């Protein structure tokens, strides 16, 4: 695993060309898709092919807004509170340079959050006029889990394994968007692509800071605590990769049906096909794999307590012992 040292990370962060820049505020072109089709969930279901072109484009746009909300949730509910809770631990087990990198990362994540809020408001001003999220609504027990995770971050920093995978995924998404070209639904909306491209610049550094944090805060825990963290991480990932009938992906479909009433008779079928994706090999492998999330998988390789992770993440195969 090739990881940038903290001095190199600081040098890259000092280069304006390699930091996330603001994207000019301009109305979105709603005739265009926002993200590649294979980055959406319905794409992997049998019912997707039967949608009209207009329905596919609108579904694509709605799902892309949900993706932005997901990134916002990661940065506001995971990265920010967890990293703030781990600052002292990082300095004790790491170095002053790690704490400095962490402080810069926290400031950048707040700017990212605001950039995605602004992007969603440009794309759907009425939907986001008074709220920052319409699909990502955490249930009470999920908020309780987050509070417990934040409070116990000193001994339960398993969220770091989640954060590095999700940040690598966001880079992979941006890369896919930039390389997309002329897809089946046409070119992607330029302003949407620009925000994700810029976001990836900071994330390319952040994932290396994440690895330093894992080494300082997770790898140094006693074996019993690492085993507990591994169990909690595995349970969280199993839940995250399984679309649910009342989950965020299903909310996108219900919104699509509300806009295209002719789909009402197929709503149950479409949502059932989403739920079935928990056992869909191609879909599951598209979420996390060694090509898209190499640093995350390398970290999992290094942790003996995650030896059975492949039972949950279908694309994860433990390397053979040397």
Foldseek 3Di string as FASTA:
>chain_A
DDFDDLVVLVVLVVDVVLAFDADDQDAWDLLFAAFDLLVAQLSLFPCPVVDDLNLSRLLRNLVVLVVLVVLLCCLPLPLQLLLVLCLVLCCVQPNPSLSVVSVVLNVRSVVLNVRSQSVSCSHPVVVSVPHSDDQDDDDPVRVVVSVVCSVPSQLQVLSLLVSLQVLLLLLVRLVCLVPVAQDPSGHHTVSSSSSSVSSNSSSVSVSSSSVSSCVRRPVPDPLVSNLVNLVVNLVVLLVVLADDCSHSSLVSLVVSCVVVVVCVVCSVVSSVRSRVCSPPLVSLCVSDACVSRVVSLVVLLVRPSNQPSCVRRVRRDRDDDD
